[in-house]
């Protein structure tokens, strides 16, 4: 490997680490008084850290950019079952845009990422795959969070019609365990979400 390539790889790794660090905000106190078990605040950071760990396993050389799409709490039950949204889970995801020269091998990048977790005892389950996606779900008995990895490729038919090529992306999405809160509109939950 030439010195120039090592410098570019080091710069890409540093940029990825900086991007992921800024995506993980400080945690606010979201304890739900009178509830047993972990709080939403206690589950938030592990979900974010696991998201970041998964993202760092994508080779820096194939990354064009990293952006956050969501870092919020979500209801675990339907509105009919839980109108106040008391049972909640922390949801965190990140989108990685694959640089154009590596876009052709995005499926292999996703499979290699999944394999790195399988080597640590996770189980990879293929999800519904369309012509423009390649998706896997990773689970592990000792982990309360599941990791969903989805590669998004442009639909060849749509690209031909529009005449432009959409970027190839990899989405990493995680949900933490469902926990008791004081509801979606409670001060504690809103404070946690404000900090991302």
C-alpha atoms as a PDB file:
ATOM      1  CA  UNK A   1       0.000   0.000   0.000  1.00  0.00           C
ATOM      2  CA  UNK A   2       1.453   3.382  -0.996  1.00  0.00           C
ATOM      3  CA  UNK A   3       1.978   6.193   1.491  1.00  0.00           C
ATOM      4  CA  UNK A   4      -0.710   8.275  -0.262  1.00  0.00           C
ATOM      5  CA  UNK A   5      -3.275   5.487   0.114  1.00  0.00           C
ATOM      6  CA  UNK A   6      -2.399   5.062   3.810  1.00  0.00           C
ATOM      7  CA  UNK A   7      -2.886   8.788   4.374  1.00  0.00           C
ATOM      8  CA  UNK A   8      -6.255   8.731   2.565  1.00  0.00           C
ATOM      9  CA  UNK A   9      -7.359   5.674   4.577  1.00  0.00           C
ATOM     10  CA  UNK A  10      -6.282   7.325   7.848  1.00  0.00           C
ATOM     11  CA  UNK A  11      -8.129  10.515   6.913  1.00  0.00           C
ATOM     12  CA  UNK A  12     -11.275   8.547   6.019  1.00  0.00           C
ATOM     13  CA  UNK A  13     -11.117   6.613   9.309  1.00  0.00           C
ATOM     14  CA  UNK A  14     -10.668   9.853  11.258  1.00  0.00           C
ATOM     15  CA  UNK A  15     -13.599  11.461   9.426  1.00  0.00           C
ATOM     16  CA  UNK A  16     -15.816   8.444  10.167  1.00  0.00           C
ATOM     17  CA  UNK A  17     -14.848   8.449  13.853  1.00  0.00           C
ATOM     18  CA  UNK A  18     -15.545  12.194  14.097  1.00  0.00           C
ATOM     19  CA  UNK A  19     -18.904  11.833  12.331  1.00  0.00           C
ATOM     20  CA  UNK A  20     -19.983   9.011  14.628  1.00  0.00           C
ATOM     21  CA  UNK A  21     -18.821  10.845  17.737  1.00  0.00           C
ATOM     22  CA  UNK A  22     -20.956  13.842  16.854  1.00  0.00           C
ATOM     23  CA  UNK A  23     -23.937  11.549  16.270  1.00  0.00           C
ATOM     24  CA  UNK A  24     -23.773  10.281  19.864  1.00  0.00           C
ATOM     25  CA  UNK A  25     -25.052  13.032  22.111  1.00  0.00           C
ATOM     26  CA  UNK A  26     -24.829  13.174  25.872  1.00  0.00           C
ATOM     27  CA  UNK A  27     -27.518  11.332  27.719  1.00  0.00           C
ATOM     28  CA  UNK A  28     -30.250  13.075  29.680  1.00  0.00           C
ATOM     29  CA  UNK A  29     -31.944  11.607  32.753  1.00  0.00           C
ATOM     30  CA  UNK A  30     -35.098   9.835  31.670  1.00  0.00           C
ATOM     31  CA  UNK A  31     -35.854   7.790  34.718  1.00  0.00           C
ATOM     32  CA  UNK A  32     -39.511   6.913  35.061  1.00  0.00           C
ATOM     33  CA  UNK A  33     -40.410   7.145  38.712  1.00  0.00           C
ATOM     34  CA  UNK A  34     -42.100   4.045  40.063  1.00  0.00           C
ATOM     35  CA  UNK A  35     -41.132   1.832  37.110  1.00  0.00           C
ATOM     36  CA  UNK A  36     -39.007  -1.259  37.553  1.00  0.00           C
ATOM     37  CA  UNK A  37     -36.303  -2.296  35.128  1.00  0.00           C
ATOM     38  CA  UNK A  38     -33.985  -0.139  33.031  1.00  0.00           C
ATOM     39  CA  UNK A  39     -34.922   3.386  32.009  1.00  0.00           C
ATOM     40  CA  UNK A  40     -34.996   4.740  28.481  1.00  0.00           C
ATOM     41  CA  UNK A  41     -31.890   6.804  29.315  1.00  0.00           C
ATOM     42  CA  UNK A  42     -30.053   3.633  30.365  1.00  0.00           C
ATOM     43  CA  UNK A  43     -30.875   1.897  27.077  1.00  0.00           C
ATOM     44  CA  UNK A  44     -30.142   4.874  24.821  1.00  0.00           C
ATOM     45  CA  UNK A  45     -26.350   4.944  25.052  1.00  0.00           C
ATOM     46  CA  UNK A  46     -25.805   1.190  24.439  1.00  0.00           C
ATOM     47  CA  UNK A  47     -27.975   1.425  21.302  1.00  0.00           C
ATOM     48  CA  UNK A  48     -25.993   4.406  20.024  1.00  0.00           C
ATOM     49  CA  UNK A  49     -22.656   2.751  20.831  1.00  0.00           C
ATOM     50  CA  UNK A  50     -23.655  -0.451  19.021  1.00  0.00           C
ATOM     51  CA  UNK A  51     -24.767   1.616  16.016  1.00  0.00           C
ATOM     52  CA  UNK A  52     -21.367   3.328  15.996  1.00  0.00           C
ATOM     53  CA  UNK A  53     -19.555  -0.005  16.376  1.00  0.00           C
ATOM     54  CA  UNK A  54     -21.421  -1.408  13.368  1.00  0.00           C
ATOM     55  CA  UNK A  55     -20.646   1.681  11.293  1.00  0.00           C
ATOM     56  CA  UNK A  56     -16.922   1.499  12.074  1.00  0.00           C
ATOM     57  CA  UNK A  57     -16.856  -2.014  10.602  1.00  0.00           C
ATOM     58  CA  UNK A  58     -17.578  -0.597   7.154  1.00  0.00           C
ATOM     59  CA  UNK A  59     -14.172  -0.150   5.461  1.00  0.00           C
ATOM     60  CA  UNK A  60     -13.282   3.571   5.527  1.00  0.00           C
ATOM     61  CA  UNK A  61     -12.021   3.375   1.935  1.00  0.00           C
ATOM     62  CA  UNK A  62     -15.570   2.743   0.621  1.00  0.00           C
ATOM     63  CA  UNK A  63     -17.243   5.579   2.557  1.00  0.00           C
ATOM     64  CA  UNK A  64     -18.102   8.850   0.880  1.00  0.00           C
ATOM     65  CA  UNK A  65     -20.088  10.341   3.786  1.00  0.00           C
ATOM     66  CA  UNK A  66     -21.913   9.478   7.018  1.00  0.00           C
ATOM     67  CA  UNK A  67     -25.168  11.075   8.132  1.00  0.00           C
ATOM     68  CA  UNK A  68     -27.739  10.519  10.851  1.00  0.00           C
ATOM     69  CA  UNK A  69     -31.353   9.981   9.921  1.00  0.00           C
ATOM     70  CA  UNK A  70     -32.978   9.298  13.315  1.00  0.00           C
ATOM     71  CA  UNK A  71     -32.147   9.063  17.023  1.00  0.00           C
ATOM     72  CA  UNK A  72     -35.441   8.995  18.922  1.00  0.00           C
ATOM     73  CA  UNK A  73     -37.702   6.919  21.126  1.00  0.00           C
ATOM     74  CA  UNK A  74     -40.496   4.976  19.457  1.00  0.00           C
ATOM     75  CA  UNK A  75     -43.627   3.330  20.803  1.00  0.00           C
ATOM     76  CA  UNK A  76     -43.451  -0.433  21.301  1.00  0.00           C
ATOM     77  CA  UNK A  77     -47.215  -0.896  20.963  1.00  0.00           C
ATOM     78  CA  UNK A  78     -49.880   0.517  18.691  1.00  0.00           C
ATOM     79  CA  UNK A  79     -51.696   3.686  19.684  1.00  0.00           C
ATOM     80  CA  UNK A  80     -54.818   1.611  20.355  1.00  0.00           C
ATOM     81  CA  UNK A  81     -52.898  -0.665  22.754  1.00  0.00           C
ATOM     82  CA  UNK A  82     -50.918   2.120  24.448  1.00  0.00           C
ATOM     83  CA  UNK A  83     -52.481   5.558  23.727  1.00  0.00           C
ATOM     84  CA  UNK A  84     -49.936   7.462  25.834  1.00  0.00           C
ATOM     85  CA  UNK A  85     -46.933   5.607  24.413  1.00  0.00           C
ATOM     86  CA  UNK A  86     -45.761   4.453  27.843  1.00  0.00           C
ATOM     87  CA  UNK A  87     -43.787   1.430  26.535  1.00  0.00           C
ATOM     88  CA  UNK A  88     -40.935   2.840  24.456  1.00  0.00           C
ATOM     89  CA  UNK A  89     -37.734   1.750  22.769  1.00  0.00           C
ATOM     90  CA  UNK A  90     -34.738   3.848  21.735  1.00  0.00           C
ATOM     91  CA  UNK A  91     -34.299   3.826  17.940  1.00  0.00           C
ATOM     92  CA  UNK A  92     -31.053   4.915  16.327  1.00  0.00           C
ATOM     93  CA  UNK A  93     -29.842   4.714  12.783  1.00  0.00           C
ATOM     94  CA  UNK A  94     -27.120   6.035  10.529  1.00  0.00           C
ATOM     95  CA  UNK A  95     -26.795   6.222   6.760  1.00  0.00           C
ATOM     96  CA  UNK A  96     -23.465   5.666   5.030  1.00  0.00           C
ATOM     97  CA  UNK A  97     -23.118   6.805   1.433  1.00  0.00           C
ATOM     98  CA  UNK A  98     -20.830   4.468  -0.492  1.00  0.00           C
ATOM     99  CA  UNK A  99     -18.303   6.161  -2.749  1.00  0.00           C
ATOM    100  CA  UNK A 100     -19.025   5.640  -6.445  1.00  0.00           C
ATOM    101  CA  UNK A 101     -16.054   3.374  -7.160  1.00  0.00           C
ATOM    102  CA  UNK A 102     -17.199   0.849  -4.523  1.00  0.00           C
ATOM    103  CA  UNK A 103     -20.951   1.002  -5.196  1.00  0.00           C
ATOM    104  CA  UNK A 104     -20.855  -2.114  -7.379  1.00  0.00           C
ATOM    105  CA  UNK A 105     -19.825  -4.267  -4.381  1.00  0.00           C
ATOM    106  CA  UNK A 106     -22.259  -2.935  -1.788  1.00  0.00           C
ATOM    107  CA  UNK A 107     -23.825  -6.388  -1.263  1.00  0.00           C
ATOM    108  CA  UNK A 108     -20.414  -7.824  -0.394  1.00  0.00           C
ATOM    109  CA  UNK A 109     -19.721  -4.917   1.978  1.00  0.00           C
ATOM    110  CA  UNK A 110     -23.012  -5.644   3.787  1.00  0.00           C
ATOM    111  CA  UNK A 111     -22.327  -9.395   3.895  1.00  0.00           C
ATOM    112  CA  UNK A 112     -18.804  -8.824   5.253  1.00  0.00           C
ATOM    113  CA  UNK A 113     -20.170  -6.451   7.913  1.00  0.00           C
ATOM    114  CA  UNK A 114     -22.746  -9.053   8.957  1.00  0.00           C
ATOM    115  CA  UNK A 115     -20.098 -11.800   8.965  1.00  0.00           C
ATOM    116  CA  UNK A 116     -17.968  -9.781  11.406  1.00  0.00           C
ATOM    117  CA  UNK A 117     -20.873  -9.930  13.887  1.00  0.00           C
ATOM    118  CA  UNK A 118     -21.669 -13.586  13.129  1.00  0.00           C
ATOM    119  CA  UNK A 119     -18.048 -14.359  14.083  1.00  0.00           C
ATOM    120  CA  UNK A 120     -18.933 -12.937  17.524  1.00  0.00           C
ATOM    121  CA  UNK A 121     -22.004 -15.116  18.034  1.00  0.00           C
ATOM    122  CA  UNK A 122     -24.689 -13.056  16.295  1.00  0.00           C
ATOM    123  CA  UNK A 123     -27.200 -14.683  13.937  1.00  0.00           C
ATOM    124  CA  UNK A 124     -27.811 -13.116  10.506  1.00  0.00           C
ATOM    125  CA  UNK A 125     -31.283 -13.471   9.010  1.00  0.00           C
ATOM    126  CA  UNK A 126     -31.975 -12.277   5.448  1.00  0.00           C
ATOM    127  CA  UNK A 127     -34.875  -9.836   5.184  1.00  0.00           C
ATOM    128  CA  UNK A 128     -37.141  -9.319   2.187  1.00  0.00           C
ATOM    129  CA  UNK A 129     -34.878  -8.297  -0.656  1.00  0.00           C
ATOM    130  CA  UNK A 130     -36.040  -6.300  -3.649  1.00  0.00           C
ATOM    131  CA  UNK A 131     -34.091  -5.469  -6.795  1.00  0.00           C
ATOM    132  CA  UNK A 132     -32.912  -2.238  -5.182  1.00  0.00           C
ATOM    133  CA  UNK A 133     -32.112  -3.515  -1.645  1.00  0.00           C
ATOM    134  CA  UNK A 134     -30.083  -6.133   0.182  1.00  0.00           C
ATOM    135  CA  UNK A 135     -31.035  -6.443   3.859  1.00  0.00           C
ATOM    136  CA  UNK A 136     -30.073  -8.541   6.882  1.00  0.00           C
ATOM    137  CA  UNK A 137     -31.098  -8.590  10.539  1.00  0.00           C
ATOM    138  CA  UNK A 138     -28.547  -9.456  13.222  1.00  0.00           C
ATOM    139  CA  UNK A 139     -29.628 -10.807  16.597  1.00  0.00           C
ATOM    140  CA  UNK A 140     -27.865 -12.285  19.611  1.00  0.00           C
ATOM    141  CA  UNK A 141     -29.491 -13.898  22.653  1.00  0.00           C
ATOM    142  CA  UNK A 142     -27.423 -11.898  25.121  1.00  0.00           C
ATOM    143  CA  UNK A 143     -28.155  -8.571  23.375  1.00  0.00           C
ATOM    144  CA  UNK A 144     -31.463  -6.703  23.721  1.00  0.00           C
ATOM    145  CA  UNK A 145     -30.876  -4.807  20.458  1.00  0.00           C
ATOM    146  CA  UNK A 146     -31.190  -6.096  16.917  1.00  0.00           C
ATOM    147  CA  UNK A 147     -29.193  -4.572  14.061  1.00  0.00           C
ATOM    148  CA  UNK A 148     -30.802  -4.142  10.660  1.00  0.00           C
ATOM    149  CA  UNK A 149     -28.394  -3.565   7.766  1.00  0.00           C
ATOM    150  CA  UNK A 150     -29.886  -2.447   4.463  1.00  0.00           C
ATOM    151  CA  UNK A 151     -28.049  -1.616   1.256  1.00  0.00           C
ATOM    152  CA  UNK A 152     -30.030   0.667  -1.063  1.00  0.00           C
ATOM    153  CA  UNK A 153     -29.137   0.513  -4.735  1.00  0.00           C
ATOM    154  CA  UNK A 154     -30.807   2.595  -7.421  1.00  0.00           C
ATOM    155  CA  UNK A 155     -33.596   0.766  -9.228  1.00  0.00           C
ATOM    156  CA  UNK A 156     -32.166   0.194 -12.736  1.00  0.00           C
ATOM    157  CA  UNK A 157     -35.561   0.916 -14.346  1.00  0.00           C
ATOM    158  CA  UNK A 158     -36.015   4.189 -12.452  1.00  0.00           C
ATOM    159  CA  UNK A 159     -32.440   5.273 -13.192  1.00  0.00           C
ATOM    160  CA  UNK A 160     -32.977   4.732 -16.918  1.00  0.00           C
ATOM    161  CA  UNK A 161     -36.155   6.820 -16.889  1.00  0.00           C
ATOM    162  CA  UNK A 162     -34.809   9.679 -14.799  1.00  0.00           C
ATOM    163  CA  UNK A 163     -31.376   9.620 -16.387  1.00  0.00           C
ATOM    164  CA  UNK A 164     -29.481  10.185 -13.131  1.00  0.00           C
ATOM    165  CA  UNK A 165     -27.991   7.807 -10.655  1.00  0.00           C
ATOM    166  CA  UNK A 166     -28.971   7.891  -6.987  1.00  0.00           C
ATOM    167  CA  UNK A 167     -26.174   7.291  -4.483  1.00  0.00           C
ATOM    168  CA  UNK A 168     -25.722   3.801  -3.069  1.00  0.00           C
ATOM    169  CA  UNK A 169     -26.220   3.796   0.704  1.00  0.00           C
ATOM    170  CA  UNK A 170     -26.004   1.441   3.653  1.00  0.00           C
ATOM    171  CA  UNK A 171     -28.468   2.024   6.500  1.00  0.00           C
ATOM    172  CA  UNK A 172     -27.779   0.687   9.992  1.00  0.00           C
ATOM    173  CA  UNK A 173     -30.866   0.712  12.224  1.00  0.00           C
ATOM    174  CA  UNK A 174     -31.153  -0.442  15.836  1.00  0.00           C
ATOM    175  CA  UNK A 175     -33.927  -0.671  18.420  1.00  0.00           C
ATOM    176  CA  UNK A 176     -33.220  -1.009  22.101  1.00  0.00           C
ATOM    177  CA  UNK A 177     -35.394  -3.019  24.489  1.00  0.00           C
ATOM    178  CA  UNK A 178     -38.917  -1.858  25.332  1.00  0.00           C
ATOM    179  CA  UNK A 179     -39.042  -0.094  28.705  1.00  0.00           C
ATOM    180  CA  UNK A 180     -41.622   1.693  30.840  1.00  0.00           C
ATOM    181  CA  UNK A 181     -41.686   5.500  30.603  1.00  0.00           C
ATOM    182  CA  UNK A 182     -44.079   8.268  31.611  1.00  0.00           C
ATOM    183  CA  UNK A 183     -45.119   8.631  27.964  1.00  0.00           C
ATOM    184  CA  UNK A 184     -44.022  10.165  24.688  1.00  0.00           C
ATOM    185  CA  UNK A 185     -44.831  13.699  25.857  1.00  0.00           C
ATOM    186  CA  UNK A 186     -43.216  13.376  29.292  1.00  0.00           C
ATOM    187  CA  UNK A 187     -40.437  15.808  30.168  1.00  0.00           C
ATOM    188  CA  UNK A 188     -37.905  12.994  30.542  1.00  0.00           C
ATOM    189  CA  UNK A 189     -38.569  11.477  27.089  1.00  0.00           C
ATOM    190  CA  UNK A 190     -38.711  14.865  25.367  1.00  0.00           C
ATOM    191  CA  UNK A 191     -35.450  15.883  27.020  1.00  0.00           C
ATOM    192  CA  UNK A 192     -33.742  12.679  25.860  1.00  0.00           C
ATOM    193  CA  UNK A 193     -34.973  13.178  22.302  1.00  0.00           C
ATOM    194  CA  UNK A 194     -33.878  16.823  22.279  1.00  0.00           C
ATOM    195  CA  UNK A 195     -30.325  15.616  22.968  1.00  0.00           C
ATOM    196  CA  UNK A 196     -30.585  13.024  20.183  1.00  0.00           C
END
